[in-house]
ModelCIF file with pLDDT and N, C-alpha, C, O atoms, coordinates in Angstrom:
data_MODEL
#
_entry.id   MODEL 
#
_entity.id                         1 
_entity.type                       polymer 
_entity.pdbx_number_of_molecules   1 
#
_entity_poly.entity_id                      1 
_entity_poly.type                           'polypeptide(L)' 
_entity_poly.nstd_linkage                   no 
_entity_poly.nstd_monomer                   no 
_entity_poly.pdbx_seq_one_letter_code       
;(UNK)(UNK)(UNK)(UNK)(UNK)(UNK)(UNK)(UNK)(UNK)(UNK)(UNK)(UNK)(UNK)(UNK)(UNK)(UNK)
(UNK)(UNK)(UNK)(UNK)(UNK)(UNK)(UNK)(UNK)(UNK)(UNK)(UNK)(UNK)(UNK)(UNK)(UNK)(UNK)
(UNK)(UNK)(UNK)(UNK)(UNK)(UNK)(UNK)(UNK)(UNK)
;
_entity_poly.pdbx_seq_one_letter_code_can   XXXXXXXXXXXXXXXXXXXXXXXXXXXXXXXXXXXXXXXXX 
_entity_poly.pdbx_strand_id                 A 
#
loop_
_entity_poly_seq.entity_id 
_entity_poly_seq.num 
_entity_poly_seq.mon_id 
_entity_poly_seq.hetero 
1 1  UNK n 
1 2  UNK n 
1 3  UNK n 
1 4  UNK n 
1 5  UNK n 
1 6  UNK n 
1 7  UNK n 
1 8  UNK n 
1 9  UNK n 
1 10 UNK n 
1 11 UNK n 
1 12 UNK n 
1 13 UNK n 
1 14 UNK n 
1 15 UNK n 
1 16 UNK n 
1 17 UNK n 
1 18 UNK n 
1 19 UNK n 
1 20 UNK n 
1 21 UNK n 
1 22 UNK n 
1 23 UNK n 
1 24 UNK n 
1 25 UNK n 
1 26 UNK n 
1 27 UNK n 
1 28 UNK n 
1 29 UNK n 
1 30 UNK n 
1 31 UNK n 
1 32 UNK n 
1 33 UNK n 
1 34 UNK n 
1 35 UNK n 
1 36 UNK n 
1 37 UNK n 
1 38 UNK n 
1 39 UNK n 
1 40 UNK n 
1 41 UNK n 
#
_struct_asym.id          A 
_struct_asym.entity_id   1 
#
loop_
_ma_qa_metric.id 
_ma_qa_metric.mode 
_ma_qa_metric.name 
_ma_qa_metric.software_group_id 
_ma_qa_metric.type 
1 global pLDDT . pLDDT 
2 local  pLDDT . pLDDT 
#
_ma_qa_metric_global.metric_id      1 
_ma_qa_metric_global.metric_value   97.27 
_ma_qa_metric_global.model_id       1 
_ma_qa_metric_global.ordinal_id     1 
#
loop_
_ma_qa_metric_local.label_asym_id 
_ma_qa_metric_local.label_comp_id 
_ma_qa_metric_local.label_seq_id 
_ma_qa_metric_local.metric_id 
_ma_qa_metric_local.metric_value 
_ma_qa_metric_local.model_id 
_ma_qa_metric_local.ordinal_id 
A UNK 1  2 98.00 1 1  
A UNK 2  2 98.00 1 2  
A UNK 3  2 98.00 1 3  
A UNK 4  2 97.00 1 4  
A UNK 5  2 97.00 1 5  
A UNK 6  2 97.00 1 6  
A UNK 7  2 98.00 1 7  
A UNK 8  2 97.00 1 8  
A UNK 9  2 98.00 1 9  
A UNK 10 2 98.00 1 10 
A UNK 11 2 98.00 1 11 
A UNK 12 2 98.00 1 12 
A UNK 13 2 98.00 1 13 
A UNK 14 2 98.00 1 14 
A UNK 15 2 97.00 1 15 
A UNK 16 2 97.00 1 16 
A UNK 17 2 97.00 1 17 
A UNK 18 2 97.00 1 18 
A UNK 19 2 96.00 1 19 
A UNK 20 2 97.00 1 20 
A UNK 21 2 97.00 1 21 
A UNK 22 2 97.00 1 22 
A UNK 23 2 97.00 1 23 
A UNK 24 2 97.00 1 24 
A UNK 25 2 97.00 1 25 
A UNK 26 2 97.00 1 26 
A UNK 27 2 98.00 1 27 
A UNK 28 2 98.00 1 28 
A UNK 29 2 97.00 1 29 
A UNK 30 2 98.00 1 30 
A UNK 31 2 98.00 1 31 
A UNK 32 2 98.00 1 32 
A UNK 33 2 98.00 1 33 
A UNK 34 2 98.00 1 34 
A UNK 35 2 98.00 1 35 
A UNK 36 2 98.00 1 36 
A UNK 37 2 96.00 1 37 
A UNK 38 2 96.00 1 38 
A UNK 39 2 96.00 1 39 
A UNK 40 2 95.00 1 40 
A UNK 41 2 95.00 1 41 
#
loop_
_atom_site.group_PDB 
_atom_site.id 
_atom_site.type_symbol 
_atom_site.label_atom_id 
_atom_site.label_alt_id 
_atom_site.label_comp_id 
_atom_site.label_asym_id 
_atom_site.label_entity_id 
_atom_site.label_seq_id 
_atom_site.pdbx_PDB_ins_code 
_atom_site.Cartn_x 
_atom_site.Cartn_y 
_atom_site.Cartn_z 
_atom_site.occupancy 
_atom_site.B_iso_or_equiv 
_atom_site.pdbx_formal_charge 
_atom_site.auth_seq_id 
_atom_site.auth_comp_id 
_atom_site.auth_asym_id 
_atom_site.auth_atom_id 
_atom_site.pdbx_PDB_model_num 
ATOM 1   N N  . UNK A 1 1  ? -49.754 60.763 -213.880 1.00 98.00 ? 1  UNK A N  1 
ATOM 2   C CA . UNK A 1 1  ? -49.428 62.140 -214.792 1.00 98.00 ? 1  UNK A CA 1 
ATOM 3   C C  . UNK A 1 1  ? -47.892 62.260 -214.163 1.00 98.00 ? 1  UNK A C  1 
ATOM 4   O O  . UNK A 1 1  ? -47.118 62.950 -214.825 1.00 98.00 ? 1  UNK A O  1 
ATOM 5   N N  . UNK A 1 2  ? -47.483 61.773 -213.189 1.00 98.00 ? 2  UNK A N  1 
ATOM 6   C CA . UNK A 1 2  ? -46.195 61.881 -212.538 1.00 98.00 ? 2  UNK A CA 1 
ATOM 7   C C  . UNK A 1 2  ? -45.462 60.411 -212.921 1.00 98.00 ? 2  UNK A C  1 
ATOM 8   O O  . UNK A 1 2  ? -44.326 60.608 -213.352 1.00 98.00 ? 2  UNK A O  1 
ATOM 9   N N  . UNK A 1 3  ? -45.702 59.495 -212.887 1.00 98.00 ? 3  UNK A N  1 
ATOM 10  C CA . UNK A 1 3  ? -45.236 58.166 -213.671 1.00 98.00 ? 3  UNK A CA 1 
ATOM 11  C C  . UNK A 1 3  ? -43.681 58.090 -214.191 1.00 98.00 ? 3  UNK A C  1 
ATOM 12  O O  . UNK A 1 3  ? -43.510 57.978 -215.405 1.00 98.00 ? 3  UNK A O  1 
ATOM 13  N N  . UNK A 1 4  ? -42.668 58.140 -213.421 1.00 97.00 ? 4  UNK A N  1 
ATOM 14  C CA . UNK A 1 4  ? -41.346 58.212 -213.936 1.00 97.00 ? 4  UNK A CA 1 
ATOM 15  C C  . UNK A 1 4  ? -41.284 56.735 -214.700 1.00 97.00 ? 4  UNK A C  1 
ATOM 16  O O  . UNK A 1 4  ? -42.177 56.055 -215.206 1.00 97.00 ? 4  UNK A O  1 
ATOM 17  N N  . UNK A 1 5  ? -39.584 56.488 -214.547 1.00 97.00 ? 5  UNK A N  1 
ATOM 18  C CA . UNK A 1 5  ? -39.328 54.831 -214.963 1.00 97.00 ? 5  UNK A CA 1 
ATOM 19  C C  . UNK A 1 5  ? -39.685 54.109 -213.890 1.00 97.00 ? 5  UNK A C  1 
ATOM 20  O O  . UNK A 1 5  ? -40.479 53.187 -214.078 1.00 97.00 ? 5  UNK A O  1 
ATOM 21  N N  . UNK A 1 6  ? -39.261 54.325 -212.752 1.00 97.00 ? 6  UNK A N  1 
ATOM 22  C CA . UNK A 1 6  ? -39.446 53.610 -211.762 1.00 97.00 ? 6  UNK A CA 1 
ATOM 23  C C  . UNK A 1 6  ? -41.092 52.732 -211.606 1.00 97.00 ? 6  UNK A C  1 
ATOM 24  O O  . UNK A 1 6  ? -41.380 51.587 -211.257 1.00 97.00 ? 6  UNK A O  1 
ATOM 25  N N  . UNK A 1 7  ? -41.935 53.941 -212.062 1.00 98.00 ? 7  UNK A N  1 
ATOM 26  C CA . UNK A 1 7  ? -43.152 53.227 -211.642 1.00 98.00 ? 7  UNK A CA 1 
ATOM 27  C C  . UNK A 1 7  ? -43.678 52.124 -213.463 1.00 98.00 ? 7  UNK A C  1 
ATOM 28  O O  . UNK A 1 7  ? -44.314 51.073 -213.546 1.00 98.00 ? 7  UNK A O  1 
ATOM 29  N N  . UNK A 1 8  ? -42.932 53.167 -214.820 1.00 97.00 ? 8  UNK A N  1 
ATOM 30  C CA . UNK A 1 8  ? -43.318 52.528 -215.603 1.00 97.00 ? 8  UNK A CA 1 
ATOM 31  C C  . UNK A 1 8  ? -42.592 50.809 -215.296 1.00 97.00 ? 8  UNK A C  1 
ATOM 32  O O  . UNK A 1 8  ? -43.309 49.899 -214.880 1.00 97.00 ? 8  UNK A O  1 
ATOM 33  N N  . UNK A 1 9  ? -41.417 50.658 -215.524 1.00 98.00 ? 9  UNK A N  1 
ATOM 34  C CA . UNK A 1 9  ? -41.087 48.975 -214.828 1.00 98.00 ? 9  UNK A CA 1 
ATOM 35  C C  . UNK A 1 9  ? -41.780 48.484 -213.982 1.00 98.00 ? 9  UNK A C  1 
ATOM 36  O O  . UNK A 1 9  ? -41.980 47.276 -214.110 1.00 98.00 ? 9  UNK A O  1 
ATOM 37  N N  . UNK A 1 10 ? -42.290 49.047 -213.034 1.00 98.00 ? 10 UNK A N  1 
ATOM 38  C CA . UNK A 1 10 ? -43.046 48.695 -211.942 1.00 98.00 ? 10 UNK A CA 1 
ATOM 39  C C  . UNK A 1 10 ? -44.495 47.855 -212.880 1.00 98.00 ? 10 UNK A C  1 
ATOM 40  O O  . UNK A 1 10 ? -44.725 46.646 -212.867 1.00 98.00 ? 10 UNK A O  1 
ATOM 41  N N  . UNK A 1 11 ? -45.157 48.743 -213.500 1.00 98.00 ? 11 UNK A N  1 
ATOM 42  C CA . UNK A 1 11 ? -46.150 48.435 -214.130 1.00 98.00 ? 11 UNK A CA 1 
ATOM 43  C C  . UNK A 1 11 ? -45.896 47.277 -215.313 1.00 98.00 ? 11 UNK A C  1 
ATOM 44  O O  . UNK A 1 11 ? -46.792 46.469 -215.556 1.00 98.00 ? 11 UNK A O  1 
ATOM 45  N N  . UNK A 1 12 ? -44.459 47.238 -216.127 1.00 98.00 ? 12 UNK A N  1 
ATOM 46  C CA . UNK A 1 12 ? -44.081 46.014 -216.852 1.00 98.00 ? 12 UNK A CA 1 
ATOM 47  C C  . UNK A 1 12 ? -44.078 45.182 -216.507 1.00 98.00 ? 12 UNK A C  1 
ATOM 48  O O  . UNK A 1 12 ? -44.611 44.302 -217.183 1.00 98.00 ? 12 UNK A O  1 
ATOM 49  N N  . UNK A 1 13 ? -43.442 44.811 -215.126 1.00 98.00 ? 13 UNK A N  1 
ATOM 50  C CA . UNK A 1 13 ? -43.699 43.165 -213.997 1.00 98.00 ? 13 UNK A CA 1 
ATOM 51  C C  . UNK A 1 13 ? -44.884 43.244 -213.547 1.00 98.00 ? 13 UNK A C  1 
ATOM 52  O O  . UNK A 1 13 ? -44.847 42.346 -212.706 1.00 98.00 ? 13 UNK A O  1 
ATOM 53  N N  . UNK A 1 14 ? -46.240 43.805 -213.482 1.00 98.00 ? 14 UNK A N  1 
ATOM 54  C CA . UNK A 1 14 ? -47.130 43.266 -212.810 1.00 98.00 ? 14 UNK A CA 1 
ATOM 55  C C  . UNK A 1 14 ? -47.867 42.506 -213.592 1.00 98.00 ? 14 UNK A C  1 
ATOM 56  O O  . UNK A 1 14 ? -48.469 42.842 -214.612 1.00 98.00 ? 14 UNK A O  1 
ATOM 57  N N  . UNK A 1 15 ? -47.803 41.442 -213.074 1.00 97.00 ? 15 UNK A N  1 
ATOM 58  C CA . UNK A 1 15 ? -48.707 40.899 -214.005 1.00 97.00 ? 15 UNK A CA 1 
ATOM 59  C C  . UNK A 1 15 ? -50.355 40.988 -213.742 1.00 97.00 ? 15 UNK A C  1 
ATOM 60  O O  . UNK A 1 15 ? -51.082 40.311 -214.469 1.00 97.00 ? 15 UNK A O  1 
ATOM 61  N N  . UNK A 1 16 ? -50.849 41.696 -212.860 1.00 97.00 ? 16 UNK A N  1 
ATOM 62  C CA . UNK A 1 16 ? -51.917 41.892 -213.169 1.00 97.00 ? 16 UNK A CA 1 
ATOM 63  C C  . UNK A 1 16 ? -52.811 42.729 -213.946 1.00 97.00 ? 16 UNK A C  1 
ATOM 64  O O  . UNK A 1 16 ? -54.034 42.841 -213.868 1.00 97.00 ? 16 UNK A O  1 
ATOM 65  N N  . UNK A 1 17 ? -51.764 43.436 -214.901 1.00 97.00 ? 17 UNK A N  1 
ATOM 66  C CA . UNK A 1 17 ? -52.691 44.528 -215.927 1.00 97.00 ? 17 UNK A CA 1 
ATOM 67  C C  . UNK A 1 17 ? -52.099 43.839 -217.428 1.00 97.00 ? 17 UNK A C  1 
ATOM 68  O O  . UNK A 1 17 ? -51.445 42.799 -217.358 1.00 97.00 ? 17 UNK A O  1 
ATOM 69  N N  . UNK A 1 18 ? -52.242 44.176 -218.139 1.00 97.00 ? 18 UNK A N  1 
ATOM 70  C CA . UNK A 1 18 ? -51.602 43.989 -219.527 1.00 97.00 ? 18 UNK A CA 1 
ATOM 71  C C  . UNK A 1 18 ? -49.887 44.821 -219.971 1.00 97.00 ? 18 UNK A C  1 
ATOM 72  O O  . UNK A 1 18 ? -49.576 45.920 -220.431 1.00 97.00 ? 18 UNK A O  1 
ATOM 73  N N  . UNK A 1 19 ? -49.166 43.667 -219.556 1.00 96.00 ? 19 UNK A N  1 
ATOM 74  C CA . UNK A 1 19 ? -47.978 44.398 -219.893 1.00 96.00 ? 19 UNK A CA 1 
ATOM 75  C C  . UNK A 1 19 ? -47.815 44.493 -221.162 1.00 96.00 ? 19 UNK A C  1 
ATOM 76  O O  . UNK A 1 19 ? -47.398 43.570 -221.860 1.00 96.00 ? 19 UNK A O  1 
ATOM 77  N N  . UNK A 1 20 ? -48.121 45.591 -221.562 1.00 97.00 ? 20 UNK A N  1 
ATOM 78  C CA . UNK A 1 20 ? -47.466 46.124 -223.307 1.00 97.00 ? 20 UNK A CA 1 
ATOM 79  C C  . UNK A 1 20 ? -46.891 47.331 -223.352 1.00 97.00 ? 20 UNK A C  1 
ATOM 80  O O  . UNK A 1 20 ? -47.612 48.324 -223.443 1.00 97.00 ? 20 UNK A O  1 
ATOM 81  N N  . UNK A 1 21 ? -45.839 47.423 -223.310 1.00 97.00 ? 21 UNK A N  1 
ATOM 82  C CA . UNK A 1 21 ? -45.511 48.959 -223.415 1.00 97.00 ? 21 UNK A CA 1 
ATOM 83  C C  . UNK A 1 21 ? -45.701 50.031 -223.838 1.00 97.00 ? 21 UNK A C  1 
ATOM 84  O O  . UNK A 1 21 ? -45.121 51.015 -223.379 1.00 97.00 ? 21 UNK A O  1 
ATOM 85  N N  . UNK A 1 22 ? -46.696 50.098 -224.967 1.00 97.00 ? 22 UNK A N  1 
ATOM 86  C CA . UNK A 1 22 ? -46.875 51.044 -225.573 1.00 97.00 ? 22 UNK A CA 1 
ATOM 87  C C  . UNK A 1 22 ? -48.526 51.320 -225.039 1.00 97.00 ? 22 UNK A C  1 
ATOM 88  O O  . UNK A 1 22 ? -49.025 52.408 -225.324 1.00 97.00 ? 22 UNK A O  1 
ATOM 89  N N  . UNK A 1 23 ? -49.110 50.594 -224.483 1.00 97.00 ? 23 UNK A N  1 
ATOM 90  C CA . UNK A 1 23 ? -50.478 50.888 -223.972 1.00 97.00 ? 23 UNK A CA 1 
ATOM 91  C C  . UNK A 1 23 ? -50.356 51.358 -222.333 1.00 97.00 ? 23 UNK A C  1 
ATOM 92  O O  . UNK A 1 23 ? -51.348 51.929 -221.880 1.00 97.00 ? 23 UNK A O  1 
ATOM 93  N N  . UNK A 1 24 ? -49.325 51.173 -221.526 1.00 97.00 ? 24 UNK A N  1 
ATOM 94  C CA . UNK A 1 24 ? -48.797 51.769 -220.224 1.00 97.00 ? 24 UNK A CA 1 
ATOM 95  C C  . UNK A 1 24 ? -47.955 52.872 -220.532 1.00 97.00 ? 24 UNK A C  1 
ATOM 96  O O  . UNK A 1 24 ? -47.605 53.587 -219.594 1.00 97.00 ? 24 UNK A O  1 
ATOM 97  N N  . UNK A 1 25 ? -47.338 53.290 -222.372 1.00 97.00 ? 25 UNK A N  1 
ATOM 98  C CA . UNK A 1 25 ? -46.915 54.521 -222.052 1.00 97.00 ? 25 UNK A CA 1 
ATOM 99  C C  . UNK A 1 25 ? -48.145 55.454 -222.487 1.00 97.00 ? 25 UNK A C  1 
ATOM 100 O O  . UNK A 1 25 ? -48.120 56.627 -222.113 1.00 97.00 ? 25 UNK A O  1 
ATOM 101 N N  . UNK A 1 26 ? -49.144 55.025 -223.203 1.00 97.00 ? 26 UNK A N  1 
ATOM 102 C CA . UNK A 1 26 ? -50.548 55.947 -223.328 1.00 97.00 ? 26 UNK A CA 1 
ATOM 103 C C  . UNK A 1 26 ? -51.253 55.701 -222.193 1.00 97.00 ? 26 UNK A C  1 
ATOM 104 O O  . UNK A 1 26 ? -52.346 55.675 -222.758 1.00 97.00 ? 26 UNK A O  1 
ATOM 105 N N  . UNK A 1 27 ? -51.482 55.529 -221.224 1.00 98.00 ? 27 UNK A N  1 
ATOM 106 C CA . UNK A 1 27 ? -52.078 55.470 -220.222 1.00 98.00 ? 27 UNK A CA 1 
ATOM 107 C C  . UNK A 1 27 ? -51.434 56.959 -219.405 1.00 98.00 ? 27 UNK A C  1 
ATOM 108 O O  . UNK A 1 27 ? -52.170 57.849 -218.981 1.00 98.00 ? 27 UNK A O  1 
ATOM 109 N N  . UNK A 1 28 ? -50.217 56.970 -219.329 1.00 98.00 ? 28 UNK A N  1 
ATOM 110 C CA . UNK A 1 28 ? -49.058 57.904 -219.031 1.00 98.00 ? 28 UNK A CA 1 
ATOM 111 C C  . UNK A 1 28 ? -49.499 59.245 -219.510 1.00 98.00 ? 28 UNK A C  1 
ATOM 112 O O  . UNK A 1 28 ? -50.078 60.126 -218.875 1.00 98.00 ? 28 UNK A O  1 
ATOM 113 N N  . UNK A 1 29 ? -49.212 59.232 -220.432 1.00 97.00 ? 29 UNK A N  1 
ATOM 114 C CA . UNK A 1 29 ? -49.512 60.338 -221.440 1.00 97.00 ? 29 UNK A CA 1 
ATOM 115 C C  . UNK A 1 29 ? -51.031 60.561 -221.688 1.00 97.00 ? 29 UNK A C  1 
ATOM 116 O O  . UNK A 1 29 ? -51.345 61.744 -221.815 1.00 97.00 ? 29 UNK A O  1 
ATOM 117 N N  . UNK A 1 30 ? -52.031 59.649 -221.781 1.00 98.00 ? 30 UNK A N  1 
ATOM 118 C CA . UNK A 1 30 ? -53.081 59.841 -221.482 1.00 98.00 ? 30 UNK A CA 1 
ATOM 119 C C  . UNK A 1 30 ? -53.622 61.041 -220.565 1.00 98.00 ? 30 UNK A C  1 
ATOM 120 O O  . UNK A 1 30 ? -54.155 62.117 -220.835 1.00 98.00 ? 30 UNK A O  1 
ATOM 121 N N  . UNK A 1 31 ? -53.174 60.248 -219.071 1.00 98.00 ? 31 UNK A N  1 
ATOM 122 C CA . UNK A 1 31 ? -53.260 61.165 -217.481 1.00 98.00 ? 31 UNK A CA 1 
ATOM 123 C C  . UNK A 1 31 ? -53.234 62.446 -218.205 1.00 98.00 ? 31 UNK A C  1 
ATOM 124 O O  . UNK A 1 31 ? -54.126 63.287 -218.098 1.00 98.00 ? 31 UNK A O  1 
ATOM 125 N N  . UNK A 1 32 ? -51.998 62.597 -219.079 1.00 98.00 ? 32 UNK A N  1 
ATOM 126 C CA . UNK A 1 32 ? -51.745 63.801 -218.832 1.00 98.00 ? 32 UNK A CA 1 
ATOM 127 C C  . UNK A 1 32 ? -52.032 64.310 -219.764 1.00 98.00 ? 32 UNK A C  1 
ATOM 128 O O  . UNK A 1 32 ? -52.314 65.388 -219.241 1.00 98.00 ? 32 UNK A O  1 
ATOM 129 N N  . UNK A 1 33 ? -52.203 64.455 -220.719 1.00 98.00 ? 33 UNK A N  1 
ATOM 130 C CA . UNK A 1 33 ? -53.863 64.974 -221.515 1.00 98.00 ? 33 UNK A CA 1 
ATOM 131 C C  . UNK A 1 33 ? -54.847 65.203 -221.062 1.00 98.00 ? 33 UNK A C  1 
ATOM 132 O O  . UNK A 1 33 ? -55.393 66.210 -221.513 1.00 98.00 ? 33 UNK A O  1 
ATOM 133 N N  . UNK A 1 34 ? -55.552 64.466 -220.017 1.00 98.00 ? 34 UNK A N  1 
ATOM 134 C CA . UNK A 1 34 ? -56.845 64.407 -219.534 1.00 98.00 ? 34 UNK A CA 1 
ATOM 135 C C  . UNK A 1 34 ? -56.741 65.815 -218.662 1.00 98.00 ? 34 UNK A C  1 
ATOM 136 O O  . UNK A 1 34 ? -57.656 66.625 -218.514 1.00 98.00 ? 34 UNK A O  1 
ATOM 137 N N  . UNK A 1 35 ? -55.254 65.913 -218.063 1.00 98.00 ? 35 UNK A N  1 
ATOM 138 C CA . UNK A 1 35 ? -55.321 66.589 -216.804 1.00 98.00 ? 35 UNK A CA 1 
ATOM 139 C C  . UNK A 1 35 ? -54.716 68.178 -217.736 1.00 98.00 ? 35 UNK A C  1 
ATOM 140 O O  . UNK A 1 35 ? -54.536 69.132 -216.978 1.00 98.00 ? 35 UNK A O  1 
ATOM 141 N N  . UNK A 1 36 ? -54.518 68.360 -218.769 1.00 98.00 ? 36 UNK A N  1 
ATOM 142 C CA . UNK A 1 36 ? -53.929 69.496 -219.625 1.00 98.00 ? 36 UNK A CA 1 
ATOM 143 C C  . UNK A 1 36 ? -55.585 70.122 -219.940 1.00 98.00 ? 36 UNK A C  1 
ATOM 144 O O  . UNK A 1 36 ? -55.921 71.279 -219.684 1.00 98.00 ? 36 UNK A O  1 
ATOM 145 N N  . UNK A 1 37 ? -56.591 68.954 -220.612 1.00 96.00 ? 37 UNK A N  1 
ATOM 146 C CA . UNK A 1 37 ? -58.122 69.455 -221.027 1.00 96.00 ? 37 UNK A CA 1 
ATOM 147 C C  . UNK A 1 37 ? -58.402 70.153 -219.542 1.00 96.00 ? 37 UNK A C  1 
ATOM 148 O O  . UNK A 1 37 ? -58.644 71.347 -219.365 1.00 96.00 ? 37 UNK A O  1 
ATOM 149 N N  . UNK A 1 38 ? -58.340 69.448 -218.838 1.00 96.00 ? 38 UNK A N  1 
ATOM 150 C CA . UNK A 1 38 ? -58.901 70.054 -217.203 1.00 96.00 ? 38 UNK A CA 1 
ATOM 151 C C  . UNK A 1 38 ? -58.488 71.512 -216.943 1.00 96.00 ? 38 UNK A C  1 
ATOM 152 O O  . UNK A 1 38 ? -59.358 72.371 -216.798 1.00 96.00 ? 38 UNK A O  1 
ATOM 153 N N  . UNK A 1 39 ? -57.260 71.792 -216.884 1.00 96.00 ? 39 UNK A N  1 
ATOM 154 C CA . UNK A 1 39 ? -56.141 73.064 -216.874 1.00 96.00 ? 39 UNK A CA 1 
ATOM 155 C C  . UNK A 1 39 ? -56.795 73.898 -217.523 1.00 96.00 ? 39 UNK A C  1 
ATOM 156 O O  . UNK A 1 39 ? -56.887 74.991 -216.963 1.00 96.00 ? 39 UNK A O  1 
ATOM 157 N N  . UNK A 1 40 ? -57.494 73.765 -218.900 1.00 95.00 ? 40 UNK A N  1 
ATOM 158 C CA . UNK A 1 40 ? -57.760 75.104 -219.481 1.00 95.00 ? 40 UNK A CA 1 
ATOM 159 C C  . UNK A 1 40 ? -59.651 75.205 -218.745 1.00 95.00 ? 40 UNK A C  1 
ATOM 160 O O  . UNK A 1 40 ? -60.395 76.183 -218.676 1.00 95.00 ? 40 UNK A O  1 
ATOM 161 N N  . UNK A 1 41 ? -59.810 74.205 -218.445 1.00 95.00 ? 41 UNK A N  1 
ATOM 162 C CA . UNK A 1 41 ? -61.080 74.620 -217.886 1.00 95.00 ? 41 UNK A CA 1 
ATOM 163 C C  . UNK A 1 41 ? -62.371 73.483 -218.503 1.00 95.00 ? 41 UNK A C  1 
ATOM 164 O O  . UNK A 1 41 ? -63.544 73.638 -218.161 1.00 95.00 ? 41 UNK A O  1 
#
């Protein structure tokens, strides 16, 4: 959830994962959504 541009760029250059911009962005936003749900108890 705390990933910024540097992490995003790192992931986009990582051959060990699927280097898809939208999928990487969704993983980050999904982490935020998951934490928001947990914070609501």
